[in-house]
Each structure stands twice: as C-alpha cells, then as structure tokens.
Amino acid sequence: RSTGDVPADAETVAADVARGRGALLRRRRRRVAGVAAVAAVA
C-alpha cells in the first residue's frame, strides 16, 4: 500500500495475459515469414 503496487484484479490479469499471447503469436508469424523468405531465395 505504501509503494502503490497493489495486486491487480482478475480482469486486469486476463487482459495482460491476452496481450502477451498476442505478442507471442506476432513473433512466431514473423519467424515463419522469415524462414519462408530464406527458403524462397535459396
């Protein structure tokens, strides 16, 4: 309470998890696209 870092409620935690999953999916798509481009050049 004195530092202001109060545990988030369930809704906040769910939103954070959704954003994390979205970022993870975007990174995976970028990696797949990069591998496909390399294969095409080869």
All heavy atoms as atom14 arrays in JSON, in Angstrom:
{
  "sequence": "RSTGDVPADAETVAADVARGRGALLRRRRRRVAGVAAVAAVA",
  "atom14_mask": [
    [1, 1, 1, 1, 1, 1, 1, 1, 1, 1, 1, 0, 0, 0],
    [1, 1, 1, 1, 1, 1, 0, 0, 0, 0, 0, 0, 0, 0],
    [1, 1, 1, 1, 1, 1, 1, 0, 0, 0, 0, 0, 0, 0],
    [1, 1, 1, 1, 0, 0, 0, 0, 0, 0, 0, 0, 0, 0],
    [1, 1, 1, 1, 1, 1, 1, 1, 0, 0, 0, 0, 0, 0],
    [1, 1, 1, 1, 1, 1, 1, 0, 0, 0, 0, 0, 0, 0],
    [1, 1, 1, 1, 1, 1, 1, 0, 0, 0, 0, 0, 0, 0],
    [1, 1, 1, 1, 1, 0, 0, 0, 0, 0, 0, 0, 0, 0],
    [1, 1, 1, 1, 1, 1, 1, 1, 0, 0, 0, 0, 0, 0],
    [1, 1, 1, 1, 1, 0, 0, 0, 0, 0, 0, 0, 0, 0],
    [1, 1, 1, 1, 1, 1, 1, 1, 1, 0, 0, 0, 0, 0],
    [1, 1, 1, 1, 1, 1, 1, 0, 0, 0, 0, 0, 0, 0],
    [1, 1, 1, 1, 1, 1, 1, 0, 0, 0, 0, 0, 0, 0],
    [1, 1, 1, 1, 1, 0, 0, 0, 0, 0, 0, 0, 0, 0],
    [1, 1, 1, 1, 1, 0, 0, 0, 0, 0, 0, 0, 0, 0],
    [1, 1, 1, 1, 1, 1, 1, 1, 0, 0, 0, 0, 0, 0],
    [1, 1, 1, 1, 1, 1, 1, 0, 0, 0, 0, 0, 0, 0],
    [1, 1, 1, 1, 1, 0, 0, 0, 0, 0, 0, 0, 0, 0],
    [1, 1, 1, 1, 1, 1, 1, 1, 1, 1, 1, 0, 0, 0],
    [1, 1, 1, 1, 0, 0, 0, 0, 0, 0, 0, 0, 0, 0],
    [1, 1, 1, 1, 1, 1, 1, 1, 1, 1, 1, 0, 0, 0],
    [1, 1, 1, 1, 0, 0, 0, 0, 0, 0, 0, 0, 0, 0],
    [1, 1, 1, 1, 1, 0, 0, 0, 0, 0, 0, 0, 0, 0],
    [1, 1, 1, 1, 1, 1, 1, 1, 0, 0, 0, 0, 0, 0],
    [1, 1, 1, 1, 1, 1, 1, 1, 0, 0, 0, 0, 0, 0],
    [1, 1, 1, 1, 1, 1, 1, 1, 1, 1, 1, 0, 0, 0],
    [1, 1, 1, 1, 1, 1, 1, 1, 1, 1, 1, 0, 0, 0],
    [1, 1, 1, 1, 1, 1, 1, 1, 1, 1, 1, 0, 0, 0],
    [1, 1, 1, 1, 1, 1, 1, 1, 1, 1, 1, 0, 0, 0],
    [1, 1, 1, 1, 1, 1, 1, 1, 1, 1, 1, 0, 0, 0],
    [1, 1, 1, 1, 1, 1, 1, 1, 1, 1, 1, 0, 0, 0],
    [1, 1, 1, 1, 1, 1, 1, 0, 0, 0, 0, 0, 0, 0],
    [1, 1, 1, 1, 1, 0, 0, 0, 0, 0, 0, 0, 0, 0],
    [1, 1, 1, 1, 0, 0, 0, 0, 0, 0, 0, 0, 0, 0],
    [1, 1, 1, 1, 1, 1, 1, 0, 0, 0, 0, 0, 0, 0],
    [1, 1, 1, 1, 1, 0, 0, 0, 0, 0, 0, 0, 0, 0],
    [1, 1, 1, 1, 1, 0, 0, 0, 0, 0, 0, 0, 0, 0],
    [1, 1, 1, 1, 1, 1, 1, 0, 0, 0, 0, 0, 0, 0],
    [1, 1, 1, 1, 1, 0, 0, 0, 0, 0, 0, 0, 0, 0],
    [1, 1, 1, 1, 1, 0, 0, 0, 0, 0, 0, 0, 0, 0],
    [1, 1, 1, 1, 1, 1, 1, 0, 0, 0, 0, 0, 0, 0],
    [1, 1, 1, 1, 1, 0, 0, 0, 0, 0, 0, 0, 0, 0]
  ],
  "atom14_positions": [
    [[0.83, -1.2, 0.0], [0.0, 0.0, 0.0], [0.86, 1.24, 0.0], [0.57, 2.24, -0.65], [-0.92, -0.01, 1.23], [-2.04, -1.04, 1.16], [-3.05, -0.79, 2.27], [-4.06, -1.85, 2.32], [-4.02, -2.89, 3.13], [-3.02, -3.0, 4.01], [-4.98, -3.79, 3.1], [0.0, 0.0, 0.0], [0.0, 0.0, 0.0], [0.0, 0.0, 0.0]],
    [[2.0, 1.18, 0.77], [2.85, 2.37, 0.87], [3.57, 2.65, -0.43], [3.89, 3.79, -0.75], [3.87, 2.19, 2.0], [4.72, 1.09, 1.69], [0.0, 0.0, 0.0], [0.0, 0.0, 0.0], [0.0, 0.0, 0.0], [0.0, 0.0, 0.0], [0.0, 0.0, 0.0], [0.0, 0.0, 0.0], [0.0, 0.0, 0.0], [0.0, 0.0, 0.0]],
    [[3.84, 1.62, -1.26], [4.55, 1.81, -2.53], [3.6, 1.95, -3.69], [4.02, 2.25, -4.81], [5.46, 0.61, -2.82], [4.67, -0.58, -2.83], [6.54, 0.5, -1.78], [0.0, 0.0, 0.0], [0.0, 0.0, 0.0], [0.0, 0.0, 0.0], [0.0, 0.0, 0.0], [0.0, 0.0, 0.0], [0.0, 0.0, 0.0], [0.0, 0.0, 0.0]],
    [[2.34, 1.73, -3.52], [1.34, 1.86, -4.58], [1.2, 0.66, -5.45], [0.4, 0.64, -6.39], [0.0, 0.0, 0.0], [0.0, 0.0, 0.0], [0.0, 0.0, 0.0], [0.0, 0.0, 0.0], [0.0, 0.0, 0.0], [0.0, 0.0, 0.0], [0.0, 0.0, 0.0], [0.0, 0.0, 0.0], [0.0, 0.0, 0.0], [0.0, 0.0, 0.0]],
    [[1.99, -0.44, -5.23], [1.92, -1.65, -6.08], [0.91, -2.6, -5.5], [1.22, -3.56, -4.8], [3.29, -2.35, -6.14], [4.3, -1.48, -6.86], [3.85, -0.67, -7.7], [5.5, -1.63, -6.59], [0.0, 0.0, 0.0], [0.0, 0.0, 0.0], [0.0, 0.0, 0.0], [0.0, 0.0, 0.0], [0.0, 0.0, 0.0], [0.0, 0.0, 0.0]],
    [[-0.36, -2.33, -5.75], [-1.41, -3.17, -5.25], [-1.7, -4.26, -6.24], [-1.72, -4.0, -7.45], [-2.68, -2.34, -5.0], [-3.81, -3.21, -4.46], [-2.36, -1.21, -4.06], [0.0, 0.0, 0.0], [0.0, 0.0, 0.0], [0.0, 0.0, 0.0], [0.0, 0.0, 0.0], [0.0, 0.0, 0.0], [0.0, 0.0, 0.0], [0.0, 0.0, 0.0]],
    [[-1.86, -5.51, -5.81], [-2.13, -6.6, -6.76], [-3.31, -6.29, -7.64], [-4.32, -5.74, -7.19], [-2.42, -7.8, -5.85], [-1.73, -7.48, -4.57], [-1.82, -6.0, -4.41], [0.0, 0.0, 0.0], [0.0, 0.0, 0.0], [0.0, 0.0, 0.0], [0.0, 0.0, 0.0], [0.0, 0.0, 0.0], [0.0, 0.0, 0.0], [0.0, 0.0, 0.0]],
    [[-3.16, -6.61, -8.96], [-4.22, -6.31, -9.92], [-5.37, -7.26, -9.73], [-5.21, -8.39, -9.26], [-3.68, -6.45, -11.34], [0.0, 0.0, 0.0], [0.0, 0.0, 0.0], [0.0, 0.0, 0.0], [0.0, 0.0, 0.0], [0.0, 0.0, 0.0], [0.0, 0.0, 0.0], [0.0, 0.0, 0.0], [0.0, 0.0, 0.0], [0.0, 0.0, 0.0]],
    [[-6.55, -6.83, -10.18], [-7.7, -7.7, -10.08], [-7.69, -8.71, -11.23], [-6.84, -8.68, -12.12], [-8.99, -6.88, -10.09], [-9.07, -5.97, -11.31], [-8.33, -6.26, -12.32], [-9.84, -5.0, -11.3], [0.0, 0.0, 0.0], [0.0, 0.0, 0.0], [0.0, 0.0, 0.0], [0.0, 0.0, 0.0], [0.0, 0.0, 0.0], [0.0, 0.0, 0.0]],
    [[-8.64, -9.64, -11.24], [-8.68, -10.72, -12.23], [-8.84, -10.2, -13.64], [-8.26, -10.72, -14.6], [-9.83, -11.68, -11.88], [0.0, 0.0, 0.0], [0.0, 0.0, 0.0], [0.0, 0.0, 0.0], [0.0, 0.0, 0.0], [0.0, 0.0, 0.0], [0.0, 0.0, 0.0], [0.0, 0.0, 0.0], [0.0, 0.0, 0.0], [0.0, 0.0, 0.0]],
    [[-9.61, -9.17, -13.86], [-9.83, -8.61, -15.22], [-8.54, -8.06, -15.79], [-8.22, -8.26, -16.96], [-10.89, -7.52, -15.13], [-11.23, -6.92, -16.5], [-12.33, -5.87, -16.39], [-12.9, -5.72, -15.29], [-12.6, -5.23, -17.41], [0.0, 0.0, 0.0], [0.0, 0.0, 0.0], [0.0, 0.0, 0.0], [0.0, 0.0, 0.0], [0.0, 0.0, 0.0]],
    [[-7.78, -7.37, -14.92], [-6.51, -6.81, -15.39], [-5.54, -7.92, -15.77], [-4.84, -7.85, -16.78], [-5.9, -5.93, -14.29], [-6.82, -4.88, -13.98], [-4.58, -5.34, -14.76], [0.0, 0.0, 0.0], [0.0, 0.0, 0.0], [0.0, 0.0, 0.0], [0.0, 0.0, 0.0], [0.0, 0.0, 0.0], [0.0, 0.0, 0.0], [0.0, 0.0, 0.0]],
    [[-5.5, -8.95, -14.92], [-4.59, -10.07, -15.2], [-4.97, -10.74, -16.51], [-4.11, -11.07, -17.34], [-4.64, -11.09, -14.05], [-3.87, -12.35, -14.43], [-4.07, -10.47, -12.77], [0.0, 0.0, 0.0], [0.0, 0.0, 0.0], [0.0, 0.0, 0.0], [0.0, 0.0, 0.0], [0.0, 0.0, 0.0], [0.0, 0.0, 0.0], [0.0, 0.0, 0.0]],
    [[-6.25, -10.94, -16.79], [-6.69, -11.58, -18.03], [-6.29, -10.75, -19.23], [-5.87, -11.27, -20.28], [-8.21, -11.79, -17.97], [0.0, 0.0, 0.0], [0.0, 0.0, 0.0], [0.0, 0.0, 0.0], [0.0, 0.0, 0.0], [0.0, 0.0, 0.0], [0.0, 0.0, 0.0], [0.0, 0.0, 0.0], [0.0, 0.0, 0.0], [0.0, 0.0, 0.0]],
    [[-6.42, -9.41, -19.12], [-6.05, -8.53, -20.25], [-4.56, -8.62, -20.52], [-4.13, -8.65, -21.67], [-6.47, -7.1, -19.92], [0.0, 0.0, 0.0], [0.0, 0.0, 0.0], [0.0, 0.0, 0.0], [0.0, 0.0, 0.0], [0.0, 0.0, 0.0], [0.0, 0.0, 0.0], [0.0, 0.0, 0.0], [0.0, 0.0, 0.0], [0.0, 0.0, 0.0]],
    [[-3.77, -8.66, -19.42], [-2.31, -8.77, -19.59], [-1.94, -10.08, -20.28], [-1.06, -10.13, -21.16], [-1.61, -8.69, -18.24], [-1.68, -7.27, -17.66], [-1.95, -6.33, -18.45], [-1.46, -7.12, -16.44], [0.0, 0.0, 0.0], [0.0, 0.0, 0.0], [0.0, 0.0, 0.0], [0.0, 0.0, 0.0], [0.0, 0.0, 0.0], [0.0, 0.0, 0.0]],
    [[-2.6, -11.17, -19.88], [-2.31, -12.47, -20.49], [-2.67, -12.46, -21.98], [-1.94, -12.97, -22.84], [-3.09, -13.58, -19.75], [-2.98, -14.92, -20.53], [-2.55, -13.75, -18.34], [0.0, 0.0, 0.0], [0.0, 0.0, 0.0], [0.0, 0.0, 0.0], [0.0, 0.0, 0.0], [0.0, 0.0, 0.0], [0.0, 0.0, 0.0], [0.0, 0.0, 0.0]],
    [[-3.78, -11.84, -22.33], [-4.19, -11.77, -23.73], [-3.19, -10.98, -24.56], [-2.84, -11.36, -25.68], [-5.6, -11.14, -23.82], [0.0, 0.0, 0.0], [0.0, 0.0, 0.0], [0.0, 0.0, 0.0], [0.0, 0.0, 0.0], [0.0, 0.0, 0.0], [0.0, 0.0, 0.0], [0.0, 0.0, 0.0], [0.0, 0.0, 0.0], [0.0, 0.0, 0.0]],
    [[-2.71, -9.86, -24.0], [-1.71, -9.07, -24.73], [-0.42, -9.87, -24.93], [0.23, -9.82, -25.97], [-1.44, -7.77, -23.97], [-2.53, -6.72, -24.12], [-2.04, -5.36, -23.65], [-1.71, -5.36, -22.23], [-2.61, -5.12, -21.25], [-3.88, -4.87, -21.55], [-2.23, -5.15, -19.98], [0.0, 0.0, 0.0], [0.0, 0.0, 0.0], [0.0, 0.0, 0.0]],
    [[-0.03, -10.62, -23.9], [1.18, -11.44, -24.01], [1.06, -12.5, -25.1], [1.99, -12.74, -25.87], [0.0, 0.0, 0.0], [0.0, 0.0, 0.0], [0.0, 0.0, 0.0], [0.0, 0.0, 0.0], [0.0, 0.0, 0.0], [0.0, 0.0, 0.0], [0.0, 0.0, 0.0], [0.0, 0.0, 0.0], [0.0, 0.0, 0.0], [0.0, 0.0, 0.0]],
    [[-0.1, -13.15, -25.09], [-0.3, -14.16, -26.13], [-0.29, -13.55, -27.54], [0.25, -14.12, -28.48], [-1.62, -14.9, -25.88], [-1.59, -15.82, -24.67], [-2.93, -16.46, -24.46], [-2.87, -17.41, -23.35], [-3.94, -18.05, -22.87], [-5.16, -17.83, -23.41], [-3.83, -18.9, -21.86], [0.0, 0.0, 0.0], [0.0, 0.0, 0.0], [0.0, 0.0, 0.0]],
    [[-0.91, -12.39, -27.68], [-0.92, -11.72, -28.99], [0.49, -11.38, -29.45], [0.84, -11.58, -30.62], [0.0, 0.0, 0.0], [0.0, 0.0, 0.0], [0.0, 0.0, 0.0], [0.0, 0.0, 0.0], [0.0, 0.0, 0.0], [0.0, 0.0, 0.0], [0.0, 0.0, 0.0], [0.0, 0.0, 0.0], [0.0, 0.0, 0.0], [0.0, 0.0, 0.0]],
    [[1.31, -10.87, -28.53], [2.71, -10.54, -28.89], [3.48, -11.79, -29.29], [4.28, -11.78, -30.23], [3.38, -9.84, -27.71], [0.0, 0.0, 0.0], [0.0, 0.0, 0.0], [0.0, 0.0, 0.0], [0.0, 0.0, 0.0], [0.0, 0.0, 0.0], [0.0, 0.0, 0.0], [0.0, 0.0, 0.0], [0.0, 0.0, 0.0], [0.0, 0.0, 0.0]],
    [[3.24, -12.9, -28.56], [3.93, -14.15, -28.86], [3.55, -14.66, -30.24], [4.4, -15.1, -31.03], [3.57, -15.2, -27.79], [4.21, -16.59, -28.0], [5.72, -16.51, -27.98], [3.73, -17.54, -26.89], [0.0, 0.0, 0.0], [0.0, 0.0, 0.0], [0.0, 0.0, 0.0], [0.0, 0.0, 0.0], [0.0, 0.0, 0.0], [0.0, 0.0, 0.0]],
    [[2.25, -14.57, -30.58], [1.8, -15.01, -31.9], [2.42, -14.17, -33.01], [2.8, -14.67, -34.07], [0.27, -14.97, -31.98], [-0.48, -16.02, -31.15], [-2.0, -15.78, -31.22], [-0.16, -17.43, -31.65], [0.0, 0.0, 0.0], [0.0, 0.0, 0.0], [0.0, 0.0, 0.0], [0.0, 0.0, 0.0], [0.0, 0.0, 0.0], [0.0, 0.0, 0.0]],
    [[2.52, -12.86, -32.79], [3.11, -11.98, -33.82], [4.57, -12.33, -34.05], [5.05, -12.34, -35.19], [2.95, -10.52, -33.4], [1.53, -9.99, -33.57], [1.5, -8.47, -33.46], [1.88, -8.01, -32.13], [1.03, -7.88, -31.1], [-0.26, -8.2, -31.26], [1.45, -7.45, -29.93], [0.0, 0.0, 0.0], [0.0, 0.0, 0.0], [0.0, 0.0, 0.0]],
    [[5.32, -12.63, -32.96], [6.73, -13.0, -33.11], [6.87, -14.31, -33.88], [7.76, -14.47, -34.72], [7.38, -13.12, -31.72], [7.65, -11.76, -31.07], [8.63, -11.92, -29.93], [8.1, -12.75, -28.85], [7.39, -12.28, -27.82], [7.12, -10.99, -27.75], [6.96, -13.1, -26.89], [0.0, 0.0, 0.0], [0.0, 0.0, 0.0], [0.0, 0.0, 0.0]],
    [[5.98, -15.27, -33.58], [6.04, -16.54, -34.29], [5.76, -16.36, -35.78], [6.41, -16.96, -36.64], [5.04, -17.53, -33.69], [5.46, -18.05, -32.33], [4.44, -19.0, -31.75], [4.89, -19.56, -30.49], [4.13, -20.36, -29.72], [2.88, -20.66, -30.12], [4.59, -20.82, -28.59], [0.0, 0.0, 0.0], [0.0, 0.0, 0.0], [0.0, 0.0, 0.0]],
    [[4.76, -15.5, -36.13], [4.45, -15.26, -37.54], [5.63, -14.62, -38.26], [5.93, -14.94, -39.41], [3.19, -14.39, -37.65], [1.89, -15.14, -37.42], [0.71, -14.34, -37.93], [0.52, -13.1, -37.18], [-0.27, -13.0, -36.1], [-0.92, -14.08, -35.66], [-0.39, -11.86, -35.47], [0.0, 0.0, 0.0], [0.0, 0.0, 0.0], [0.0, 0.0, 0.0]],
    [[6.31, -13.71, -37.57], [7.48, -13.07, -38.18], [8.59, -14.07, -38.45], [9.27, -14.05, -39.47], [7.97, -11.92, -37.28], [7.1, -10.67, -37.37], [7.85, -9.47, -36.81], [8.08, -9.59, -35.38], [7.26, -9.13, -34.44], [6.13, -8.52, -34.79], [7.54, -9.28, -33.16], [0.0, 0.0, 0.0], [0.0, 0.0, 0.0], [0.0, 0.0, 0.0]],
    [[8.79, -15.01, -37.47], [9.83, -16.02, -37.66], [9.5, -16.95, -38.86], [10.34, -17.29, -39.67], [10.01, -16.85, -36.4], [10.77, -16.1, -35.31], [11.31, -17.07, -34.29], [10.24, -17.78, -33.58], [9.68, -17.35, -32.45], [10.08, -16.21, -31.91], [8.73, -18.06, -31.88], [0.0, 0.0, 0.0], [0.0, 0.0, 0.0], [0.0, 0.0, 0.0]],
    [[8.2, -17.35, -38.95], [7.77, -18.22, -40.05], [7.94, -17.51, -41.39], [8.43, -18.07, -42.38], [6.31, -18.67, -39.85], [5.8, -19.39, -41.09], [6.21, -19.57, -38.62], [0.0, 0.0, 0.0], [0.0, 0.0, 0.0], [0.0, 0.0, 0.0], [0.0, 0.0, 0.0], [0.0, 0.0, 0.0], [0.0, 0.0, 0.0], [0.0, 0.0, 0.0]],
    [[7.57, -16.24, -41.45], [7.71, -15.48, -42.7], [9.17, -15.35, -43.09], [9.53, -15.44, -44.27], [7.08, -14.09, -42.52], [0.0, 0.0, 0.0], [0.0, 0.0, 0.0], [0.0, 0.0, 0.0], [0.0, 0.0, 0.0], [0.0, 0.0, 0.0], [0.0, 0.0, 0.0], [0.0, 0.0, 0.0], [0.0, 0.0, 0.0], [0.0, 0.0, 0.0]],
    [[10.04, -15.13, -42.1], [11.48, -15.02, -42.39], [12.04, -16.31, -42.95], [12.81, -16.32, -43.91], [0.0, 0.0, 0.0], [0.0, 0.0, 0.0], [0.0, 0.0, 0.0], [0.0, 0.0, 0.0], [0.0, 0.0, 0.0], [0.0, 0.0, 0.0], [0.0, 0.0, 0.0], [0.0, 0.0, 0.0], [0.0, 0.0, 0.0], [0.0, 0.0, 0.0]],
    [[11.66, -17.45, -42.35], [12.14, -18.75, -42.82], [11.65, -19.01, -44.24], [12.38, -19.49, -45.11], [11.67, -19.87, -41.87], [11.97, -21.24, -42.48], [12.36, -19.72, -40.51], [0.0, 0.0, 0.0], [0.0, 0.0, 0.0], [0.0, 0.0, 0.0], [0.0, 0.0, 0.0], [0.0, 0.0, 0.0], [0.0, 0.0, 0.0], [0.0, 0.0, 0.0]],
    [[10.41, -18.65, -44.55], [9.85, -18.86, -45.89], [10.6, -18.02, -46.91], [10.88, -18.46, -48.04], [8.36, -18.51, -45.89], [0.0, 0.0, 0.0], [0.0, 0.0, 0.0], [0.0, 0.0, 0.0], [0.0, 0.0, 0.0], [0.0, 0.0, 0.0], [0.0, 0.0, 0.0], [0.0, 0.0, 0.0], [0.0, 0.0, 0.0], [0.0, 0.0, 0.0]],
    [[10.94, -16.78, -46.54], [11.67, -15.92, -47.47], [13.04, -16.48, -47.77], [13.5, -16.48, -48.91], [11.79, -14.51, -46.86], [0.0, 0.0, 0.0], [0.0, 0.0, 0.0], [0.0, 0.0, 0.0], [0.0, 0.0, 0.0], [0.0, 0.0, 0.0], [0.0, 0.0, 0.0], [0.0, 0.0, 0.0], [0.0, 0.0, 0.0], [0.0, 0.0, 0.0]],
    [[13.72, -16.97, -46.74], [15.05, -17.57, -46.94], [14.94, -18.78, -47.85], [15.76, -18.99, -48.76], [15.68, -17.96, -45.59], [16.95, -18.78, -45.81], [15.99, -16.69, -44.78], [0.0, 0.0, 0.0], [0.0, 0.0, 0.0], [0.0, 0.0, 0.0], [0.0, 0.0, 0.0], [0.0, 0.0, 0.0], [0.0, 0.0, 0.0], [0.0, 0.0, 0.0]],
    [[13.91, -19.61, -47.64], [13.73, -20.8, -48.47], [13.46, -20.41, -49.91], [13.96, -21.04, -50.85], [12.58, -21.65, -47.92], [0.0, 0.0, 0.0], [0.0, 0.0, 0.0], [0.0, 0.0, 0.0], [0.0, 0.0, 0.0], [0.0, 0.0, 0.0], [0.0, 0.0, 0.0], [0.0, 0.0, 0.0], [0.0, 0.0, 0.0], [0.0, 0.0, 0.0]],
    [[12.68, -19.35, -50.12], [12.38, -18.9, -51.49], [13.63, -18.43, -52.19], [13.87, -18.72, -53.36], [11.33, -17.8, -51.44], [0.0, 0.0, 0.0], [0.0, 0.0, 0.0], [0.0, 0.0, 0.0], [0.0, 0.0, 0.0], [0.0, 0.0, 0.0], [0.0, 0.0, 0.0], [0.0, 0.0, 0.0], [0.0, 0.0, 0.0], [0.0, 0.0, 0.0]],
    [[14.46, -17.63, -51.49], [15.71, -17.15, -52.08], [16.62, -18.31, -52.45], [17.25, -18.34, -53.5], [16.43, -16.19, -51.11], [17.83, -15.86, -51.63], [15.61, -14.91, -50.96], [0.0, 0.0, 0.0], [0.0, 0.0, 0.0], [0.0, 0.0, 0.0], [0.0, 0.0, 0.0], [0.0, 0.0, 0.0], [0.0, 0.0, 0.0], [0.0, 0.0, 0.0]],
    [[16.71, -19.32, -51.55], [17.55, -20.48, -51.82], [17.05, -21.24, -53.04], [17.83, -21.72, -53.86], [17.58, -21.4, -50.59], [0.0, 0.0, 0.0], [0.0, 0.0, 0.0], [0.0, 0.0, 0.0], [0.0, 0.0, 0.0], [0.0, 0.0, 0.0], [0.0, 0.0, 0.0], [0.0, 0.0, 0.0], [0.0, 0.0, 0.0], [0.0, 0.0, 0.0]]
  ]
}
